[in-house]
Amino acid sequence: MPIFLGCAGWSLPREQWPRFPRQGTHLQRYAACLNAVEINSSFYRPHRPQTYARWAQSVPSGFGFSVKLPRHITHELRLRDCDTALDEFLAQCLQLGDRLGCLLVQLPPSLSYDPIIAGGFFTALRQRFAGPVVLEPRHASWVQADRLLQDYQIGRVAADPPVIADGDAPKGWQGVRYWRLHGSPRIYHSAYETERLCALAEVLRASLEEGIPTWCIFDNTASGHALVDALALQAMLAPQASTCITSSPRHS
């Protein structure tokens, strides 16, 4: 079982092109070097089922897509009365077939934990989808949801920077673990230094050794650092990379 490692989106900054094959679409070139990607565009707009099917056909066996639930479900409906919206979304993204590795549910900071609403939503989701699901809540009250997440087999994302208590470690159901690195201290922009990536590599290795499906997605895309950080971490996780040199940062 590999660690699913990649970025939020498969954009290839021009300065990184020499590190990827010259031929193919951006997704094909990206998937030649990394084994996972998080589809964030699904949060903003629907994609046709044929689009998902084409993406699945563009990547090699073993590649994993994580797909972010639409904001219509999480931010507009706020997890209420989502049956129709879930049906529409899943009819689209399930066309990824066995390349669909995980669903990501990211909640707005204003959405507090209500066990009745949350239970109704996850019941509806689980009636339709049995695969891995992770939740990234951003209201402090969701620390109370651990039992519910266990019951519905939902992992809680380890986010950097964390916005809730223990938010930097994967919680909830431990059948899947998912790290989202947004960039710190400047969210979406900051790069990660070598020492930080080395520490993360050790944590990811430990998770994998437990036999747990493990994801790590870099979302610090705004200044183009996500791809560089993902490739650096990939090198650290290679079997021959048994130690890390942490004496100096990679980025100035």
Protein backbone atom coordinates (compact mmCIF):
# COMPACT_ATOMS: atom_id res chain seq x y z
CA MET A 1 0.00 0.00 0.00
CA PRO A 2 1.53 3.36 -0.98
CA ILE A 3 1.18 6.72 0.69
CA PHE A 4 -1.12 8.78 -1.51
CA LEU A 5 0.91 11.94 -2.02
CA GLY A 6 0.10 14.92 -4.18
CA CYS A 7 -1.32 18.41 -4.49
CA ALA A 8 -4.64 20.22 -4.55
CA GLY A 9 -4.97 20.29 -8.32
CA TRP A 10 -2.54 19.21 -11.02
CA SER A 11 -1.36 22.59 -12.25
CA LEU A 12 2.29 22.47 -13.33
CA PRO A 13 4.13 25.78 -12.89
CA ARG A 14 6.29 26.42 -15.93
CA GLU A 15 9.50 26.46 -13.90
CA GLN A 16 8.78 22.87 -12.83
CA TRP A 17 8.15 21.50 -16.32
CA PRO A 18 11.64 19.98 -16.67
CA ARG A 19 10.80 17.60 -13.81
CA PHE A 20 7.88 16.08 -15.73
CA PRO A 21 7.42 14.31 -19.06
CA ARG A 22 7.17 16.68 -21.99
CA GLN A 23 4.23 14.94 -23.66
CA GLY A 24 0.60 14.60 -22.54
CA THR A 25 -1.96 16.69 -20.74
CA HIS A 26 -1.04 18.38 -17.48
CA LEU A 27 -2.83 15.59 -15.61
CA GLN A 28 -0.98 12.86 -17.51
CA ARG A 29 2.36 14.56 -16.92
CA TYR A 30 1.54 15.13 -13.24
CA ALA A 31 0.42 11.51 -12.74
CA ALA A 32 3.70 10.25 -14.18
CA CYS A 33 5.46 11.59 -11.06
CA LEU A 34 2.91 11.69 -8.23
CA ASN A 35 0.30 9.10 -7.29
CA ALA A 36 -2.55 11.24 -5.96
CA VAL A 37 -4.36 14.52 -6.48
CA GLU A 38 -7.15 16.37 -4.73
CA ILE A 39 -9.86 17.74 -7.01
CA ASN A 40 -10.84 21.10 -5.53
CA SER A 41 -12.68 22.45 -8.56
CA SER A 42 -15.62 20.18 -7.68
CA PHE A 43 -16.18 22.46 -4.68
CA TYR A 44 -16.94 25.40 -6.97
CA ARG A 45 -18.71 23.82 -9.93
CA PRO A 46 -19.99 20.44 -11.12
CA HIS A 47 -18.10 18.40 -13.68
CA ARG A 48 -19.76 16.17 -16.22
CA PRO A 49 -19.58 12.42 -15.60
CA GLN A 50 -17.67 12.12 -18.89
CA THR A 51 -15.03 14.50 -17.53
CA TYR A 52 -14.42 12.33 -14.48
CA ALA A 53 -14.27 9.25 -16.68
CA ARG A 54 -11.70 10.93 -18.93
CA TRP A 55 -9.58 11.89 -15.93
CA ALA A 56 -9.67 8.31 -14.66
CA GLN A 57 -8.49 7.06 -18.04
CA SER A 58 -5.62 9.58 -18.05
CA VAL A 59 -3.82 8.19 -15.01
CA PRO A 60 -2.03 4.90 -14.31
CA SER A 61 -3.31 2.07 -12.17
CA GLY A 62 -2.85 2.82 -8.48
CA PHE A 63 -3.33 6.56 -8.86
CA GLY A 64 -5.85 8.04 -6.41
CA PHE A 65 -8.23 10.98 -6.73
CA SER A 66 -9.63 12.70 -3.68
CA VAL A 67 -12.73 14.73 -4.53
CA LYS A 68 -13.96 17.69 -2.51
CA LEU A 69 -17.70 17.88 -1.93
CA PRO A 70 -19.48 20.88 -3.50
CA ARG A 71 -19.87 24.05 -1.46
CA HIS A 72 -23.59 23.82 -2.29
CA ILE A 73 -23.72 20.89 0.14
CA THR A 74 -21.31 22.13 2.81
CA HIS A 75 -21.66 25.92 2.72
CA GLU A 76 -25.11 26.62 1.26
CA LEU A 77 -27.24 23.72 2.43
CA ARG A 78 -24.95 23.40 5.47
CA LEU A 79 -25.43 19.60 5.52
CA ARG A 80 -29.25 19.84 5.61
CA ASP A 81 -31.58 18.21 3.08
CA CYS A 82 -28.69 17.05 0.90
CA ASP A 83 -30.15 13.93 -0.70
CA THR A 84 -30.64 15.38 -4.17
CA ALA A 85 -27.33 17.25 -4.12
CA LEU A 86 -25.48 14.11 -3.01
CA ASP A 87 -27.12 12.06 -5.75
CA GLU A 88 -26.06 14.57 -8.38
CA PHE A 89 -22.48 14.87 -7.09
CA LEU A 90 -21.94 11.12 -6.74
CA ALA A 91 -23.41 10.41 -10.17
CA GLN A 92 -20.58 12.58 -11.49
CA CYS A 93 -17.54 11.64 -9.44
CA LEU A 94 -18.23 7.90 -9.21
CA GLN A 95 -17.23 7.79 -12.86
CA LEU A 96 -13.67 7.80 -11.54
CA GLY A 97 -14.23 4.13 -10.76
CA ASP A 98 -11.40 2.51 -8.83
CA ARG A 99 -9.35 5.71 -9.15
CA LEU A 100 -11.69 7.39 -6.66
CA GLY A 101 -9.72 7.11 -3.46
CA CYS A 102 -11.45 9.44 -1.02
CA LEU A 103 -14.14 12.09 -0.55
CA LEU A 104 -13.25 15.29 1.30
CA VAL A 105 -15.89 17.20 3.26
CA GLN A 106 -14.58 20.66 4.20
CA LEU A 107 -16.91 22.70 6.39
CA PRO A 108 -17.17 26.48 6.71
CA PRO A 109 -15.75 28.05 9.90
CA SER A 110 -19.26 29.21 10.85
CA LEU A 111 -20.76 25.70 10.87
CA SER A 112 -20.85 24.38 14.43
CA TYR A 113 -21.38 20.77 15.37
CA ASP A 114 -24.99 19.68 15.67
CA PRO A 115 -25.20 15.90 16.21
CA ILE A 116 -28.67 15.65 14.67
CA ILE A 117 -27.75 17.50 11.49
CA ALA A 118 -24.36 15.79 11.22
CA GLY A 119 -25.87 12.37 11.83
CA GLY A 120 -28.53 12.94 9.19
CA PHE A 121 -25.95 14.06 6.66
CA PHE A 122 -23.52 11.20 7.22
CA THR A 123 -26.39 8.71 7.18
CA ALA A 124 -27.42 10.02 3.75
CA LEU A 125 -23.82 9.96 2.53
CA ARG A 126 -23.16 6.43 3.79
CA GLN A 127 -26.35 5.16 2.18
CA ARG A 128 -24.79 6.19 -1.13
CA PHE A 129 -21.03 5.79 -0.69
CA ALA A 130 -19.11 3.16 1.27
CA GLY A 131 -15.57 4.27 0.47
CA PRO A 132 -13.12 6.44 2.42
CA VAL A 133 -14.43 9.83 3.59
CA VAL A 134 -12.58 12.51 5.55
CA LEU A 135 -13.89 15.64 7.24
CA GLU A 136 -12.11 18.97 7.67
CA PRO A 137 -14.20 20.95 10.18
CA ARG A 138 -13.21 24.52 11.02
CA HIS A 139 -15.42 25.28 14.03
CA ALA A 140 -14.06 24.42 17.48
CA SER A 141 -17.21 22.52 18.49
CA TRP A 142 -16.40 19.65 16.11
CA VAL A 143 -13.95 18.23 18.65
CA GLN A 144 -17.12 16.81 20.23
CA ALA A 145 -17.89 14.76 17.10
CA ASP A 146 -15.35 11.97 17.55
CA ARG A 147 -17.91 9.31 18.51
CA LEU A 148 -20.11 10.19 15.56
CA LEU A 149 -17.13 10.05 13.20
CA GLN A 150 -16.26 6.63 14.57
CA ASP A 151 -19.80 5.41 14.05
CA TYR A 152 -19.90 6.54 10.41
CA GLN A 153 -16.26 5.65 9.69
CA ILE A 154 -15.22 9.20 8.85
CA GLY A 155 -11.62 10.32 9.33
CA ARG A 156 -10.89 13.83 10.57
CA VAL A 157 -8.28 15.69 8.55
CA ALA A 158 -4.97 16.73 10.06
CA ALA A 159 -4.65 20.31 8.83
CA ASP A 160 -1.78 22.76 8.83
CA PRO A 161 -2.20 25.34 10.13
CA PRO A 162 -4.72 23.78 12.55
CA VAL A 163 -7.81 25.81 13.39
CA ILE A 164 -9.37 23.55 16.06
CA ALA A 165 -7.95 21.70 19.05
CA ASP A 166 -5.78 18.74 18.00
CA GLY A 167 -6.42 19.81 14.43
CA ASP A 168 -2.86 19.00 13.40
CA ALA A 169 -3.33 15.26 13.96
CA PRO A 170 -5.73 12.87 12.24
CA LYS A 171 -8.69 12.12 14.51
CA GLY A 172 -12.07 10.47 14.19
CA TRP A 173 -12.12 7.04 12.55
CA GLN A 174 -8.62 5.67 12.11
CA GLY A 175 -9.36 3.56 9.03
CA VAL A 176 -8.03 6.40 6.89
CA ARG A 177 -5.64 9.27 7.68
CA TYR A 178 -5.45 12.45 5.66
CA TRP A 179 -3.05 15.36 5.99
CA ARG A 180 -3.78 18.72 4.28
CA LEU A 181 -0.88 21.16 4.24
CA HIS A 182 -2.22 24.64 3.48
CA GLY A 183 1.05 26.50 4.03
CA SER A 184 2.29 28.03 7.26
CA PRO A 185 2.68 30.74 8.46
CA ARG A 186 1.15 32.32 5.33
CA ILE A 187 -1.76 30.11 4.41
CA TYR A 188 -1.84 28.90 0.79
CA HIS A 189 1.49 30.63 0.07
CA SER A 190 4.25 29.54 2.47
CA ALA A 191 6.62 26.74 1.52
CA TYR A 192 7.67 24.04 3.97
CA GLU A 193 11.27 23.80 5.10
CA THR A 194 13.26 20.59 4.95
CA GLU A 195 13.10 19.97 8.69
CA ARG A 196 9.31 20.18 8.68
CA LEU A 197 9.01 17.81 5.72
CA CYS A 198 11.40 15.31 7.34
CA ALA A 199 9.27 15.23 10.47
CA LEU A 200 6.16 14.75 8.35
CA ALA A 201 7.82 11.90 6.45
CA GLU A 202 8.41 10.02 9.69
CA VAL A 203 4.78 10.48 10.75
CA LEU A 204 3.51 9.26 7.39
CA ARG A 205 5.81 6.23 7.45
CA ALA A 206 4.52 5.31 10.91
CA SER A 207 0.92 5.58 9.72
CA LEU A 208 1.61 3.39 6.71
CA GLU A 209 3.37 0.80 8.87
CA GLU A 210 0.12 0.47 10.80
CA GLY A 211 -1.53 -0.60 7.55
CA ILE A 212 -3.74 2.50 7.40
CA PRO A 213 -4.53 4.17 4.05
CA THR A 214 -2.59 7.42 4.31
CA TRP A 215 -3.00 10.61 2.28
CA CYS A 216 -0.90 13.76 2.21
CA ILE A 217 -2.03 16.71 0.07
CA PHE A 218 -0.21 20.02 -0.31
CA ASP A 219 -2.60 22.95 -0.70
CA ASN A 220 0.02 25.72 -0.59
CA THR A 221 -0.53 26.33 -4.28
CA ALA A 222 -0.92 30.12 -4.46
CA SER A 223 2.81 30.78 -4.86
CA GLY A 224 3.59 27.50 -6.60
CA HIS A 225 5.20 25.71 -3.63
CA ALA A 226 2.85 22.72 -3.38
CA LEU A 227 4.43 20.79 -6.22
CA VAL A 228 7.99 21.42 -5.01
CA ASP A 229 7.09 20.34 -1.48
CA ALA A 230 5.27 17.20 -2.66
CA LEU A 231 8.22 16.10 -4.77
CA ALA A 232 10.66 16.80 -1.94
CA LEU A 233 8.57 14.76 0.48
CA GLN A 234 8.28 11.97 -2.08
CA ALA A 235 12.08 11.79 -2.25
CA MET A 236 12.28 11.59 1.54
CA LEU A 237 9.77 8.73 1.56
CA ALA A 238 11.65 6.70 -1.05
CA PRO A 239 12.90 3.35 0.32
CA GLN A 240 16.54 4.38 -0.01
CA ALA A 241 15.95 7.65 1.87
CA SER A 242 16.36 6.33 5.40
CA THR A 243 17.45 9.62 6.97
CA CYS A 244 16.87 13.32 6.47
CA ILE A 245 19.37 16.14 6.51
CA THR A 246 17.75 18.97 8.41
CA SER A 247 20.58 21.39 8.95
CA SER A 248 19.37 23.94 6.43
CA PRO A 249 16.04 24.91 4.87
CA ARG A 250 15.19 24.20 1.25
CA HIS A 251 13.59 27.58 0.72
CA SER A 252 14.87 31.07 1.36
